[in-house]
C-alpha atoms as a PDB file:
ATOM      1  CA  MET A   1    -105.322-193.629 -63.067  1.00  0.00           C
ATOM      2  CA  PHE A   2    -102.845-192.021 -65.458  1.00  0.00           C
ATOM      3  CA  ILE A   3    -102.078-188.257 -65.412  1.00  0.00           C
ATOM      4  CA  GLU A   4    -100.522-186.805 -68.586  1.00  0.00           C
ATOM      5  CA  THR A   5     -98.067-183.932 -68.277  1.00  0.00           C
ATOM      6  CA  GLU A   6     -97.457-181.301 -70.848  1.00  0.00           C
ATOM      7  CA  THR A   7     -94.842-178.407 -70.841  1.00  0.00           C
ATOM      8  CA  THR A   8     -95.987-174.912 -71.374  1.00  0.00           C
ATOM      9  CA  PRO A   9     -94.335-171.828 -72.765  1.00  0.00           C
ATOM     10  CA  ASN A  10     -93.684-170.927 -69.177  1.00  0.00           C
ATOM     11  CA  PRO A  11     -90.715-173.060 -67.948  1.00  0.00           C
ATOM     12  CA  ALA A  12     -91.760-172.638 -64.363  1.00  0.00           C
ATOM     13  CA  THR A  13     -95.298-174.150 -65.199  1.00  0.00           C
ATOM     14  CA  LEU A  14     -96.300-177.677 -66.033  1.00  0.00           C
ATOM     15  CA  LYS A  15     -99.931-178.626 -67.172  1.00  0.00           C
ATOM     16  CA  PHE A  16    -101.324-181.844 -65.701  1.00  0.00           C
ATOM     17  CA  LEU A  17    -104.126-183.591 -67.470  1.00  0.00           C
ATOM     18  CA  PRO A  18    -105.993-186.150 -65.204  1.00  0.00           C
ATOM     19  CA  GLY A  19    -108.213-187.369 -68.039  1.00  0.00           C
ATOM     20  CA  GLU A  20    -111.384-186.082 -66.338  1.00  0.00           C
ATOM     21  CA  ILE A  21    -113.223-182.811 -65.873  1.00  0.00           C
ATOM     22  CA  VAL A  22    -111.463-180.676 -63.232  1.00  0.00           C
ATOM     23  CA  MET A  23    -113.933-177.723 -63.269  1.00  0.00           C
ATOM     24  CA  ALA A  24    -117.140-178.065 -65.146  1.00  0.00           C
ATOM     25  CA  SER A  25    -117.390-174.348 -65.771  1.00  0.00           C
ATOM     26  CA  GLY A  26    -115.062-171.426 -65.435  1.00  0.00           C
ATOM     27  CA  THR A  27    -111.487-171.384 -64.171  1.00  0.00           C
ATOM     28  CA  ARG A  28    -109.813-170.594 -60.862  1.00  0.00           C
ATOM     29  CA  GLU A  29    -106.363-169.351 -60.136  1.00  0.00           C
ATOM     30  CA  PHE A  30    -104.578-169.395 -56.737  1.00  0.00           C
ATOM     31  CA  THR A  31    -101.421-167.328 -56.287  1.00  0.00           C
ATOM     32  CA  ASN A  32    -100.693-167.931 -52.693  1.00  0.00           C
ATOM     33  CA  ASP A  33    -101.418-170.435 -49.855  1.00  0.00           C
ATOM     34  CA  GLU A  34    -103.941-168.189 -48.160  1.00  0.00           C
ATOM     35  CA  ASP A  35    -106.237-168.242 -51.397  1.00  0.00           C
ATOM     36  CA  ALA A  36    -105.803-171.987 -51.390  1.00  0.00           C
ATOM     37  CA  ASP A  37    -107.810-172.334 -48.233  1.00  0.00           C
ATOM     38  CA  ALA A  38    -110.848-172.621 -50.516  1.00  0.00           C
ATOM     39  CA  SER A  39    -109.500-175.896 -52.078  1.00  0.00           C
ATOM     40  CA  PRO A  40    -108.106-178.891 -50.484  1.00  0.00           C
ATOM     41  CA  LEU A  41    -106.230-179.783 -53.829  1.00  0.00           C
ATOM     42  CA  ALA A  42    -104.757-176.300 -53.968  1.00  0.00           C
ATOM     43  CA  GLN A  43    -103.829-176.421 -50.291  1.00  0.00           C
ATOM     44  CA  ALA A  44    -102.006-179.831 -50.674  1.00  0.00           C
ATOM     45  CA  LEU A  45    -100.085-178.534 -53.671  1.00  0.00           C
ATOM     46  CA  PHE A  46     -98.958-175.297 -51.893  1.00  0.00           C
ATOM     47  CA  SER A  47     -97.913-177.431 -48.937  1.00  0.00           C
ATOM     48  CA  LEU A  48     -95.113-178.990 -51.081  1.00  0.00           C
ATOM     49  CA  GLY A  49     -93.173-175.807 -50.573  1.00  0.00           C
ATOM     50  CA  ASP A  50     -91.958-175.009 -54.010  1.00  0.00           C
ATOM     51  CA  VAL A  51     -95.326-174.350 -55.489  1.00  0.00           C
ATOM     52  CA  THR A  52     -96.178-170.663 -56.137  1.00  0.00           C
ATOM     53  CA  GLY A  53     -99.319-171.011 -58.284  1.00  0.00           C
ATOM     54  CA  VAL A  54    -102.142-173.362 -59.102  1.00  0.00           C
ATOM     55  CA  PHE A  55    -104.614-172.950 -61.847  1.00  0.00           C
ATOM     56  CA  PHE A  56    -107.637-175.063 -62.396  1.00  0.00           C
ATOM     57  CA  GLY A  57    -108.988-175.303 -65.987  1.00  0.00           C
ATOM     58  CA  ARG A  58    -111.718-177.351 -67.510  1.00  0.00           C
ATOM     59  CA  ASP A  59    -109.686-180.601 -67.921  1.00  0.00           C
ATOM     60  CA  PHE A  60    -106.328-179.720 -66.475  1.00  0.00           C
ATOM     61  CA  VAL A  61    -104.371-178.346 -63.568  1.00  0.00           C
ATOM     62  CA  SER A  62    -101.415-176.017 -64.141  1.00  0.00           C
ATOM     63  CA  VAL A  63     -98.844-175.755 -61.444  1.00  0.00           C
ATOM     64  CA  THR A  64     -96.072-173.147 -61.108  1.00  0.00           C
ATOM     65  CA  ILE A  65     -93.013-173.541 -58.991  1.00  0.00           C
ATOM     66  CA  ALA A  66     -90.598-171.110 -57.508  1.00  0.00           C
ATOM     67  CA  PRO A  67     -87.565-169.689 -59.431  1.00  0.00           C
ATOM     68  CA  GLY A  68     -84.712-171.991 -58.715  1.00  0.00           C
ATOM     69  CA  ALA A  69     -86.825-175.001 -58.012  1.00  0.00           C
ATOM     70  CA  ALA A  70     -86.383-177.935 -60.356  1.00  0.00           C
ATOM     71  CA  TRP A  71     -89.336-179.837 -61.977  1.00  0.00           C
ATOM     72  CA  SER A  72     -87.276-182.919 -61.713  1.00  0.00           C
ATOM     73  CA  ASP A  73     -87.734-182.744 -57.956  1.00  0.00           C
ATOM     74  CA  ALA A  74     -91.143-181.244 -57.806  1.00  0.00           C
ATOM     75  CA  LYS A  75     -93.054-183.301 -60.569  1.00  0.00           C
ATOM     76  CA  PRO A  76     -93.236-186.601 -58.674  1.00  0.00           C
ATOM     77  CA  GLN A  77     -94.620-184.749 -55.639  1.00  0.00           C
ATOM     78  CA  VAL A  78     -97.174-182.878 -57.621  1.00  0.00           C
ATOM     79  CA  LEU A  79     -98.198-186.039 -59.469  1.00  0.00           C
ATOM     80  CA  ALA A  80     -98.609-187.888 -56.153  1.00  0.00           C
ATOM     81  CA  VAL A  81    -100.850-185.049 -54.762  1.00  0.00           C
ATOM     82  CA  LEU A  82    -102.964-185.076 -57.920  1.00  0.00           C
ATOM     83  CA  LEU A  83    -103.306-188.742 -57.950  1.00  0.00           C
ATOM     84  CA  ASP A  84    -104.370-188.787 -54.364  1.00  0.00           C
ATOM     85  CA  HIS A  85    -106.990-186.100 -55.045  1.00  0.00           C
ATOM     86  CA  PHE A  86    -108.553-187.572 -58.111  1.00  0.00           C
ATOM     87  CA  VAL A  87    -108.572-191.218 -56.910  1.00  0.00           C
ATOM     88  CA  SER A  88    -110.115-190.274 -53.493  1.00  0.00           C
ATOM     89  CA  GLY A  89    -112.879-188.156 -55.179  1.00  0.00           C
ATOM     90  CA  THR A  90    -112.332-185.255 -52.707  1.00  0.00           C
ATOM     91  CA  PRO A  91    -114.211-182.153 -53.725  1.00  0.00           C
ATOM     92  CA  LEU A  92    -112.264-179.490 -55.467  1.00  0.00           C
ATOM     93  CA  PHE A  93    -113.550-176.787 -53.204  1.00  0.00           C
ATOM     94  CA  VAL A  94    -114.447-176.759 -49.519  1.00  0.00           C
ATOM     95  CA  SER A  95    -118.148-176.625 -49.059  1.00  0.00           C
ATOM     96  CA  ALA A  96    -119.798-173.335 -47.973  1.00  0.00           C
ATOM     97  CA  SER A  97    -121.143-175.141 -44.849  1.00  0.00           C
ATOM     98  CA  ALA A  98    -117.529-175.418 -43.555  1.00  0.00           C
ATOM     99  CA  GLY A  99    -117.399-171.687 -43.304  1.00  0.00           C
ATOM    100  CA  PHE A 100    -115.833-171.042 -46.763  1.00  0.00           C
ATOM    101  CA  ALA A 101    -117.432-169.917 -49.867  1.00  0.00           C
ATOM    102  CA  VAL A 102    -116.594-171.419 -53.201  1.00  0.00           C
ATOM    103  CA  PRO A 103    -114.372-168.801 -54.768  1.00  0.00           C
ATOM    104  CA  ALA A 104    -116.012-166.700 -57.532  1.00  0.00           C
ATOM    105  CA  GLU A 105    -114.204-165.067 -60.394  1.00  0.00           C
ATOM    106  CA  ASP A 106    -112.742-161.658 -59.627  1.00  0.00           C
ATOM    107  CA  ASP A 107    -115.227-159.280 -61.105  1.00  0.00           C
ATOM    108  CA  ALA A 108    -112.778-156.243 -61.128  1.00  0.00           C
ATOM    109  CA  THR A 109    -113.001-154.569 -64.364  1.00  0.00           C
ATOM    110  CA  ILE A 110    -111.349-151.524 -65.799  1.00  0.00           C
ATOM    111  CA  GLY A 111    -114.668-150.198 -67.042  1.00  0.00           C
ATOM    112  CA  ASP A 112    -116.668-150.138 -70.200  1.00  0.00           C
ATOM    113  CA  ASP A 113    -118.464-147.271 -71.840  1.00  0.00           C
ATOM    114  CA  PRO A 114    -122.094-148.407 -72.465  1.00  0.00           C
ATOM    115  CA  ALA A 115    -121.942-146.675 -75.846  1.00  0.00           C
ATOM    116  CA  ASP A 116    -119.393-149.334 -76.880  1.00  0.00           C
ATOM    117  CA  ALA A 117    -121.764-152.260 -76.075  1.00  0.00           C
ATOM    118  CA  ASP A 118    -121.571-153.656 -79.723  1.00  0.00           C
ATOM    119  CA  VAL A 119    -117.854-153.389 -79.875  1.00  0.00           C
ATOM    120  CA  ILE A 120    -117.396-155.063 -76.529  1.00  0.00           C
ATOM    121  CA  ASP A 121    -119.696-157.906 -77.573  1.00  0.00           C
ATOM    122  CA  GLN A 122    -117.407-158.486 -80.660  1.00  0.00           C
ATOM    123  CA  ILE A 123    -114.254-158.399 -78.482  1.00  0.00           C
ATOM    124  CA  LYS A 124    -115.678-160.868 -75.867  1.00  0.00           C
ATOM    125  CA  ASP A 125    -116.925-163.212 -78.656  1.00  0.00           C
ATOM    126  CA  LEU A 126    -113.423-163.272 -80.346  1.00  0.00           C
ATOM    127  CA  ILE A 127    -111.757-163.882 -76.921  1.00  0.00           C
ATOM    128  CA  GLU A 128    -114.154-166.671 -76.024  1.00  0.00           C
ATOM    129  CA  THR A 129    -114.098-168.466 -79.377  1.00  0.00           C
ATOM    130  CA  ARG A 130    -110.510-167.851 -80.654  1.00  0.00           C
ATOM    131  CA  VAL A 131    -108.260-166.706 -77.806  1.00  0.00           C
ATOM    132  CA  ARG A 132    -109.267-168.687 -74.780  1.00  0.00           C
ATOM    133  CA  PRO A 133    -109.121-172.262 -76.376  1.00  0.00           C
ATOM    134  CA  ALA A 134    -105.639-171.422 -77.638  1.00  0.00           C
ATOM    135  CA  VAL A 135    -104.407-170.172 -74.268  1.00  0.00           C
ATOM    136  CA  ALA A 136    -106.032-173.111 -72.526  1.00  0.00           C
ATOM    137  CA  ASN A 137    -103.761-175.357 -74.656  1.00  0.00           C
ATOM    138  CA  ASP A 138    -100.825-173.712 -72.971  1.00  0.00           C
ATOM    139  CA  GLY A 139    -102.158-174.293 -69.445  1.00  0.00           C
ATOM    140  CA  GLY A 140    -103.713-170.895 -68.800  1.00  0.00           C
ATOM    141  CA  ASP A 141    -106.655-168.569 -69.362  1.00  0.00           C
ATOM    142  CA  ILE A 142    -107.310-164.960 -70.392  1.00  0.00           C
ATOM    143  CA  VAL A 143    -110.067-162.874 -68.816  1.00  0.00           C
ATOM    144  CA  TYR A 144    -111.571-159.757 -70.291  1.00  0.00           C
ATOM    145  CA  ARG A 145    -111.278-156.788 -67.810  1.00  0.00           C
ATOM    146  CA  GLY A 146    -112.509-153.878 -70.029  1.00  0.00           C
ATOM    147  CA  PHE A 147    -112.421-151.754 -73.123  1.00  0.00           C
ATOM    148  CA  ARG A 148    -111.790-147.943 -72.940  1.00  0.00           C
ATOM    149  CA  ASP A 149    -110.591-145.409 -75.427  1.00  0.00           C
ATOM    150  CA  GLY A 150    -109.574-148.164 -77.953  1.00  0.00           C
ATOM    151  CA  VAL A 151    -107.636-150.074 -75.446  1.00  0.00           C
ATOM    152  CA  VAL A 152    -108.686-153.700 -74.495  1.00  0.00           C
ATOM    153  CA  PHE A 153    -107.522-154.792 -71.014  1.00  0.00           C
ATOM    154  CA  LEU A 154    -107.009-158.549 -70.396  1.00  0.00           C
ATOM    155  CA  GLN A 155    -105.760-160.500 -67.533  1.00  0.00           C
ATOM    156  CA  MET A 156    -103.503-163.561 -68.007  1.00  0.00           C
ATOM    157  CA  GLN A 157    -103.855-166.503 -65.676  1.00  0.00           C
ATOM    158  CA  GLY A 158    -102.285-169.887 -65.077  1.00  0.00           C
ATOM    159  CA  ALA A 159     -99.306-170.707 -67.102  1.00  0.00           C
ATOM    160  CA  CYS A 160     -99.694-167.464 -69.027  1.00  0.00           C
ATOM    161  CA  SER A 161     -99.377-165.370 -65.976  1.00  0.00           C
ATOM    162  CA  GLY A 162     -95.668-164.433 -65.604  1.00  0.00           C
ATOM    163  CA  CYS A 163     -94.760-166.310 -68.784  1.00  0.00           C
ATOM    164  CA  PRO A 164     -91.769-164.825 -70.676  1.00  0.00           C
ATOM    165  CA  SER A 165     -93.856-164.911 -73.822  1.00  0.00           C
ATOM    166  CA  SER A 166     -97.027-163.456 -72.353  1.00  0.00           C
ATOM    167  CA  SER A 167     -96.356-159.863 -73.509  1.00  0.00           C
ATOM    168  CA  ALA A 168     -95.636-161.246 -77.073  1.00  0.00           C
ATOM    169  CA  THR A 169     -98.820-163.223 -76.961  1.00  0.00           C
ATOM    170  CA  LEU A 170    -100.786-160.067 -76.044  1.00  0.00           C
ATOM    171  CA  LYS A 171     -99.174-157.710 -78.404  1.00  0.00           C
ATOM    172  CA  HIS A 172     -98.485-159.892 -81.501  1.00  0.00           C
ATOM    173  CA  GLY A 173    -101.141-162.511 -81.203  1.00  0.00           C
ATOM    174  CA  ILE A 174    -104.284-161.146 -79.421  1.00  0.00           C
ATOM    175  CA  GLU A 175    -103.752-157.523 -80.363  1.00  0.00           C
ATOM    176  CA  SER A 176    -103.365-158.457 -84.062  1.00  0.00           C
ATOM    177  CA  LEU A 177    -106.347-160.674 -84.019  1.00  0.00           C
ATOM    178  CA  LEU A 178    -108.519-158.089 -82.303  1.00  0.00           C
ATOM    179  CA  LYS A 179    -107.421-155.151 -84.579  1.00  0.00           C
ATOM    180  CA  HIS A 180    -108.098-157.210 -87.594  1.00  0.00           C
ATOM    181  CA  TYR A 181    -111.713-158.104 -86.706  1.00  0.00           C
ATOM    182  CA  VAL A 182    -112.657-155.052 -84.614  1.00  0.00           C
ATOM    183  CA  PRO A 183    -111.249-151.832 -86.065  1.00  0.00           C
ATOM    184  CA  GLU A 184    -112.164-149.775 -82.999  1.00  0.00           C
ATOM    185  CA  VAL A 185    -109.403-151.798 -81.127  1.00  0.00           C
ATOM    186  CA  ASN A 186    -106.111-149.732 -81.080  1.00  0.00           C
ATOM    187  CA  GLU A 187    -104.209-151.603 -78.454  1.00  0.00           C
ATOM    188  CA  VAL A 188    -104.326-154.545 -76.067  1.00  0.00           C
ATOM    189  CA  ARG A 189    -102.818-154.155 -72.485  1.00  0.00           C
ATOM    190  CA  ALA A 190    -102.469-156.508 -69.405  1.00  0.00           C
ATOM    191  CA  ALA A 191    -104.782-155.612 -66.640  1.00  0.00           C
END
């Protein structure tokens, strides 16, 4: 098995492509080793010591290391863990019968006004069709969290979370796109 590696705009994060589906639908982010109890792969990656974040996308795994850690040291270890996981065919998540539930997406939202339903549908469609694919190319994801008083709230995940260019992505890229197509949008903020 060959696992490709790609850099991301976040220097602390690398994107690993195992050449197969990681998650058939949705995404999942782990930001600490307690959350990682739901996934043997995430547990193994956090056990390396320098790993501070793991993100599962459709066909990739993004791994973030601690400030001061060097990818030259961490990359071979991460690759070994990923190879072991994908070659062994171990499930991505611990089964519910083992006392753990497969993690669900966090449904916390900022809140929507039902009167804005048409605008919200337009915003969600643009995020799904134009923004998420571009963000996934960089090893992350973006999740809609709400629309209120002309402000769209989005949550950055994976390589995009904590990336030095994430605020520029939100303000100059996503905000410009949404304002262009949805005149009711005045601003985009991180949730």
